[in-house]
Amino acid sequence: MAKTQVFPGVLYVVATPLGNALDLSPRAAAVLGGAGLILAEDTRRTKRLLAEAGIAGARMLSLHEHNEAGRVAQVLEFVTGGGEAALVSDAGTPLLSDPGFELVRACRRQGVTVVPVPGPCAVTTALSVSGLAPHPFTFLGFLPRKAGDVKKLFTTHGRLGHTLVFFERKDRLVASLALAAEVLGDREFVVAREMTKTFEEFIPGRLADLSVLDRELLGEITVVIGPAAQTVRHGEDEAETVYAEEAAAGGKPREVARRAAARLAGWSATEVYERFFLAGKKTS
């Protein structure tokens, strides 16, 4: 096997294990052992990883969301001066919902060579074992905190018909999936938690029934929502008729939209609400 060399004047973007230290590749270990500077999201966590890999004496500098902008010039000076830098996140592949984008972009603009050292990635790991359509897929990162922003995100990307992958915190998981059900309709999903760790678990379900999540889930969570089922979509005239029937039965507009969507193939409650209630208000 050829020996890995670490070249001067290069920024290496290094993938690290999601949880199982054995997933650190020999090449990644060689780069981290040979780099003159390691840029770490959390230096304490990276020190533990290096210790497990038998790497000692590495010079480290923190680079996280709160200080990245201020670190760019410092790192550029180091690399353009002939140093070798390695960028890592807390786990997985850097830049995917982790810091590093500003640095990599600045390096590219300055003509600095940026070299990937691929490896673990929560997005593709969850997708590969989900049993849901692997492509096309859209990665949404961490969902926004506000419910309105989450709904807008699902509305925008739900129209594409792609499989959706995102990260979510355990205390917001059920609420976020309920919003997904409202916007996307009933779709299959898989909740992946603690991937590659001792308590790794993959929980399949459907957005129409979230009872499988009626327990406390600990650890890091990645969610995969499959594409909409390929069904014959009811036409707009039929949808308008159903909406009118449900509206005549009474209830708040969003509840009417939910009832109508339950009777219509290919229509979500949000789409029914926007098309027949909001649009009707604008034209009245």
Protein backbone atom coordinates (compact mmCIF):
# COMPACT_ATOMS: atom_id res chain seq x y z
CA MET A 1 0.00 0.00 0.00
CA ALA A 2 1.36 3.41 -0.99
CA LYS A 3 2.32 5.67 1.90
CA THR A 4 0.16 8.77 2.31
CA GLN A 5 2.06 12.02 1.94
CA VAL A 6 0.91 15.30 3.40
CA PHE A 7 1.90 18.16 1.11
CA PRO A 8 2.70 21.73 2.13
CA GLY A 9 0.37 24.55 1.16
CA VAL A 10 -2.71 22.30 1.20
CA LEU A 11 -5.95 22.30 3.16
CA TYR A 12 -7.22 18.76 3.72
CA VAL A 13 -10.93 18.28 4.45
CA VAL A 14 -11.00 15.10 6.52
CA ALA A 15 -14.03 12.93 7.30
CA THR A 16 -13.99 11.41 10.79
CA PRO A 17 -16.10 8.64 12.40
CA LEU A 18 -19.74 9.19 13.29
CA GLY A 19 -19.16 7.25 16.49
CA ASN A 20 -17.13 4.11 15.88
CA ALA A 21 -13.43 5.00 16.01
CA LEU A 22 -12.61 2.03 13.76
CA ASP A 23 -14.21 3.94 10.88
CA LEU A 24 -11.27 6.37 10.76
CA SER A 25 -9.54 5.44 7.51
CA PRO A 26 -5.78 4.81 7.37
CA ARG A 27 -5.46 7.73 4.99
CA ALA A 28 -7.37 10.07 7.32
CA ALA A 29 -5.18 8.98 10.24
CA ALA A 30 -2.04 9.59 8.19
CA VAL A 31 -3.17 13.07 7.16
CA LEU A 32 -4.12 14.02 10.72
CA GLY A 33 -0.81 12.67 11.97
CA GLY A 34 1.19 14.59 9.38
CA ALA A 35 -0.65 17.92 9.30
CA GLY A 36 1.03 20.89 10.90
CA LEU A 37 -2.32 22.26 12.03
CA ILE A 38 -5.66 20.57 12.71
CA LEU A 39 -8.75 22.77 12.63
CA ALA A 40 -11.38 21.21 14.87
CA GLU A 41 -14.97 22.10 15.63
CA ASP A 42 -14.43 20.88 19.21
CA THR A 43 -10.75 20.41 20.10
CA ARG A 44 -11.58 18.24 23.13
CA ARG A 45 -13.54 15.77 21.03
CA THR A 46 -10.86 15.68 18.35
CA LYS A 47 -8.13 15.11 20.95
CA ARG A 48 -9.97 11.98 22.11
CA LEU A 49 -10.19 10.72 18.53
CA LEU A 50 -6.49 11.36 17.94
CA ALA A 51 -5.60 9.59 21.17
CA GLU A 52 -7.60 6.51 20.10
CA ALA A 53 -5.77 6.58 16.76
CA GLY A 54 -2.39 6.84 18.48
CA ILE A 55 -1.70 10.34 17.16
CA ALA A 56 0.17 12.55 19.61
CA GLY A 57 1.57 16.06 19.59
CA ALA A 58 -0.79 17.53 17.00
CA ARG A 59 -1.21 21.30 16.97
CA MET A 60 -4.90 22.18 17.05
CA LEU A 61 -6.96 25.29 16.58
CA SER A 62 -10.71 25.58 17.12
CA LEU A 63 -12.85 26.47 14.13
CA HIS A 64 -16.59 26.58 14.76
CA GLU A 65 -19.65 28.58 13.74
CA HIS A 66 -18.89 31.41 16.15
CA ASN A 67 -15.26 32.04 15.15
CA GLU A 68 -14.86 30.78 11.59
CA ALA A 69 -14.96 34.22 9.96
CA GLY A 70 -12.15 35.38 12.23
CA ARG A 71 -10.03 32.28 11.60
CA VAL A 72 -9.94 32.44 7.80
CA ALA A 73 -7.12 34.96 7.45
CA GLN A 74 -5.05 33.15 10.09
CA VAL A 75 -5.41 29.78 8.36
CA LEU A 76 -4.74 31.25 4.92
CA GLU A 77 -1.51 32.77 6.20
CA PHE A 78 -0.45 29.41 7.62
CA VAL A 79 -1.23 27.44 4.48
CA THR A 80 0.13 29.94 1.95
CA GLY A 81 3.28 30.05 4.05
CA GLY A 82 3.83 26.36 3.34
CA GLY A 83 1.90 24.78 6.19
CA GLU A 84 -0.31 21.70 5.99
CA ALA A 85 -3.77 22.09 7.53
CA ALA A 86 -6.49 19.51 8.13
CA LEU A 87 -10.12 20.47 8.74
CA VAL A 88 -12.37 18.15 10.76
CA SER A 89 -15.84 18.42 12.27
CA ASP A 90 -17.11 16.71 15.40
CA ALA A 91 -18.21 13.72 13.34
CA GLY A 92 -18.63 12.78 9.70
CA THR A 93 -17.79 14.90 6.68
CA PRO A 94 -17.06 18.59 7.34
CA LEU A 95 -19.27 21.37 5.93
CA LEU A 96 -22.47 19.27 5.89
CA SER A 97 -24.28 21.34 8.56
CA ASP A 98 -20.86 21.92 10.13
CA PRO A 99 -18.48 24.90 9.86
CA GLY A 100 -15.81 25.14 7.18
CA PHE A 101 -17.59 26.57 4.13
CA GLU A 102 -16.15 30.07 4.53
CA LEU A 103 -12.64 28.67 4.91
CA VAL A 104 -12.86 26.32 1.92
CA ARG A 105 -14.36 29.06 -0.24
CA ALA A 106 -11.61 31.50 0.76
CA CYS A 107 -8.94 28.91 0.01
CA ARG A 108 -10.39 28.25 -3.43
CA ARG A 109 -10.51 31.96 -4.18
CA GLN A 110 -6.88 32.37 -3.10
CA GLY A 111 -5.75 29.46 -5.26
CA VAL A 112 -4.97 27.22 -2.29
CA THR A 113 -5.28 23.50 -3.04
CA VAL A 114 -8.13 21.86 -1.12
CA VAL A 115 -7.99 18.07 -0.94
CA PRO A 116 -10.86 15.84 0.28
CA VAL A 117 -10.14 12.86 2.48
CA PRO A 118 -13.52 11.09 2.23
CA GLY A 119 -15.09 8.81 4.74
CA PRO A 120 -18.11 8.64 7.08
CA CYS A 121 -21.12 10.83 6.34
CA ALA A 122 -24.38 10.73 8.30
CA VAL A 123 -26.43 11.71 5.25
CA THR A 124 -25.35 8.91 2.95
CA THR A 125 -25.06 6.40 5.79
CA ALA A 126 -28.71 6.85 6.76
CA LEU A 127 -29.84 6.93 3.14
CA SER A 128 -27.97 3.75 2.24
CA VAL A 129 -29.80 1.59 4.79
CA SER A 130 -33.19 3.35 4.88
CA GLY A 131 -34.83 1.22 2.20
CA LEU A 132 -36.20 4.43 0.68
CA ALA A 133 -35.45 5.74 -2.81
CA PRO A 134 -31.76 6.77 -2.75
CA HIS A 135 -31.96 9.24 -5.61
CA PRO A 136 -32.69 11.89 -6.34
CA PHE A 137 -32.41 13.15 -2.78
CA THR A 138 -32.20 16.59 -1.20
CA PHE A 139 -30.27 17.30 2.00
CA LEU A 140 -31.88 20.00 4.16
CA GLY A 141 -29.30 20.20 6.96
CA PHE A 142 -30.70 21.04 10.40
CA LEU A 143 -34.32 22.16 10.23
CA PRO A 144 -35.12 25.76 11.25
CA ARG A 145 -36.38 26.42 14.77
CA LYS A 146 -39.63 28.18 13.82
CA ALA A 147 -42.56 26.05 12.67
CA GLY A 148 -43.42 28.49 9.88
CA ASP A 149 -39.89 28.24 8.47
CA VAL A 150 -40.00 24.44 8.65
CA LYS A 151 -43.25 24.39 6.68
CA LYS A 152 -41.81 26.72 4.03
CA LEU A 153 -38.77 24.45 3.69
CA PHE A 154 -40.90 21.33 3.27
CA THR A 155 -43.21 23.15 0.84
CA THR A 156 -40.31 24.31 -1.34
CA HIS A 157 -38.49 20.98 -1.50
CA GLY A 158 -41.55 18.76 -1.31
CA ARG A 159 -42.56 19.94 -4.78
CA LEU A 160 -39.44 18.30 -6.22
CA GLY A 161 -40.63 14.82 -5.36
CA HIS A 162 -37.20 13.92 -3.96
CA THR A 163 -36.30 11.84 -0.93
CA LEU A 164 -35.51 14.33 1.85
CA VAL A 165 -32.73 13.93 4.40
CA PHE A 166 -32.21 16.20 7.40
CA PHE A 167 -30.92 16.41 10.95
CA GLU A 168 -33.22 17.13 13.87
CA ARG A 169 -32.97 17.41 17.63
CA LYS A 170 -34.74 14.75 19.67
CA ASP A 171 -37.03 17.22 21.47
CA ARG A 172 -38.34 18.63 18.17
CA LEU A 173 -38.50 15.43 16.12
CA VAL A 174 -42.19 14.55 16.47
CA ALA A 175 -43.36 18.14 15.97
CA SER A 176 -41.22 18.47 12.84
CA LEU A 177 -42.52 15.21 11.38
CA ALA A 178 -46.09 16.33 12.12
CA LEU A 179 -45.39 19.46 10.08
CA ALA A 180 -43.93 17.26 7.33
CA ALA A 181 -47.15 15.23 7.32
CA GLU A 182 -49.21 18.40 7.00
CA VAL A 183 -47.16 19.71 4.08
CA LEU A 184 -46.04 16.54 2.29
CA GLY A 185 -48.93 14.20 3.00
CA ASP A 186 -48.39 10.61 4.01
CA ARG A 187 -44.92 9.37 3.15
CA GLU A 188 -42.60 6.67 4.46
CA PHE A 189 -39.80 7.76 6.75
CA VAL A 190 -36.87 6.29 8.66
CA VAL A 191 -35.41 7.84 11.80
CA ALA A 192 -31.75 6.87 12.19
CA ARG A 193 -30.18 7.45 15.58
CA GLU A 194 -26.77 6.81 17.11
CA MET A 195 -25.42 5.48 13.81
CA THR A 196 -22.31 3.26 14.17
CA LYS A 197 -22.58 3.48 17.97
CA THR A 198 -23.60 0.89 20.55
CA PHE A 199 -27.30 1.80 20.52
CA GLU A 200 -27.64 2.29 16.76
CA GLU A 201 -31.27 2.11 15.68
CA PHE A 202 -33.31 2.62 12.52
CA ILE A 203 -37.03 3.29 13.06
CA PRO A 204 -39.32 3.05 10.00
CA GLY A 205 -42.77 4.56 9.87
CA ARG A 206 -45.27 6.68 7.98
CA LEU A 207 -45.97 10.36 8.45
CA ALA A 208 -49.69 9.60 8.88
CA ASP A 209 -48.94 7.61 12.04
CA LEU A 210 -46.14 8.83 14.32
CA SER A 211 -46.98 6.43 17.14
CA VAL A 212 -43.72 4.54 16.52
CA LEU A 213 -41.99 7.57 18.04
CA ASP A 214 -44.00 7.55 21.27
CA ARG A 215 -40.89 7.07 23.42
CA GLU A 216 -37.79 8.99 24.32
CA LEU A 217 -35.11 8.89 21.65
CA LEU A 218 -31.58 9.71 22.71
CA GLY A 219 -28.53 10.59 20.67
CA GLU A 220 -27.82 12.06 17.25
CA ILE A 221 -30.77 11.82 14.84
CA THR A 222 -30.89 11.77 11.04
CA VAL A 223 -34.25 11.56 9.26
CA VAL A 224 -34.98 10.21 5.78
CA ILE A 225 -38.40 10.91 4.25
CA GLY A 226 -39.16 9.03 1.07
CA PRO A 227 -40.75 10.51 -2.05
CA ALA A 228 -44.48 10.71 -2.49
CA ALA A 229 -46.09 7.47 -3.63
CA GLN A 230 -46.68 7.30 -7.35
CA THR A 231 -50.47 7.55 -7.40
CA VAL A 232 -52.94 8.96 -9.87
CA ARG A 233 -53.50 12.52 -8.70
CA HIS A 234 -57.05 13.83 -8.52
CA GLY A 235 -57.61 16.67 -10.95
CA GLU A 236 -58.18 20.26 -9.86
CA ASP A 237 -61.91 20.17 -10.66
CA GLU A 238 -62.36 17.08 -8.48
CA ALA A 239 -60.27 18.64 -5.73
CA GLU A 240 -62.34 21.82 -5.82
CA THR A 241 -65.56 19.81 -5.57
CA VAL A 242 -64.28 17.84 -2.57
CA TYR A 243 -63.07 21.02 -0.89
CA ALA A 244 -66.46 22.66 -1.41
CA GLU A 245 -68.21 19.64 0.14
CA GLU A 246 -65.95 19.71 3.19
CA ALA A 247 -66.29 23.47 3.53
CA ALA A 248 -70.07 23.11 3.51
CA ALA A 249 -69.75 20.61 6.37
CA GLY A 250 -68.16 23.35 8.46
CA GLY A 251 -64.97 23.81 10.44
CA LYS A 252 -61.89 26.00 10.42
CA PRO A 253 -60.21 26.43 7.01
CA ARG A 254 -57.15 24.33 7.84
CA GLU A 255 -59.29 21.54 9.25
CA VAL A 256 -61.44 21.63 6.11
CA ALA A 257 -58.25 21.39 4.03
CA ARG A 258 -57.04 18.38 6.04
CA ARG A 259 -60.33 16.56 5.59
CA ALA A 260 -60.36 17.29 1.87
CA ALA A 261 -56.73 16.17 1.44
CA ALA A 262 -57.55 12.87 3.14
CA ARG A 263 -60.04 12.21 0.32
CA LEU A 264 -57.75 13.32 -2.50
CA ALA A 265 -54.86 11.40 -4.05
CA GLY A 266 -51.75 13.49 -4.60
CA TRP A 267 -52.89 16.55 -2.65
CA SER A 268 -51.46 17.68 0.70
CA ALA A 269 -53.46 19.66 3.24
CA THR A 270 -51.24 22.69 2.68
CA GLU A 271 -51.74 22.57 -1.08
CA VAL A 272 -55.54 22.31 -0.70
CA TYR A 273 -55.56 25.20 1.79
CA GLU A 274 -53.44 27.46 -0.41
CA ARG A 275 -55.20 26.61 -3.67
CA PHE A 276 -58.82 26.80 -2.60
CA PHE A 277 -58.98 28.87 0.59
CA LEU A 278 -56.18 31.45 0.20
CA ALA A 279 -56.62 31.79 -3.54
CA GLY A 280 -60.35 32.18 -3.05
CA LYS A 281 -59.83 34.99 -0.56
CA LYS A 282 -57.56 36.84 -2.98
CA THR A 283 -60.11 36.71 -5.79
CA SER A 284 -63.15 37.52 -3.68
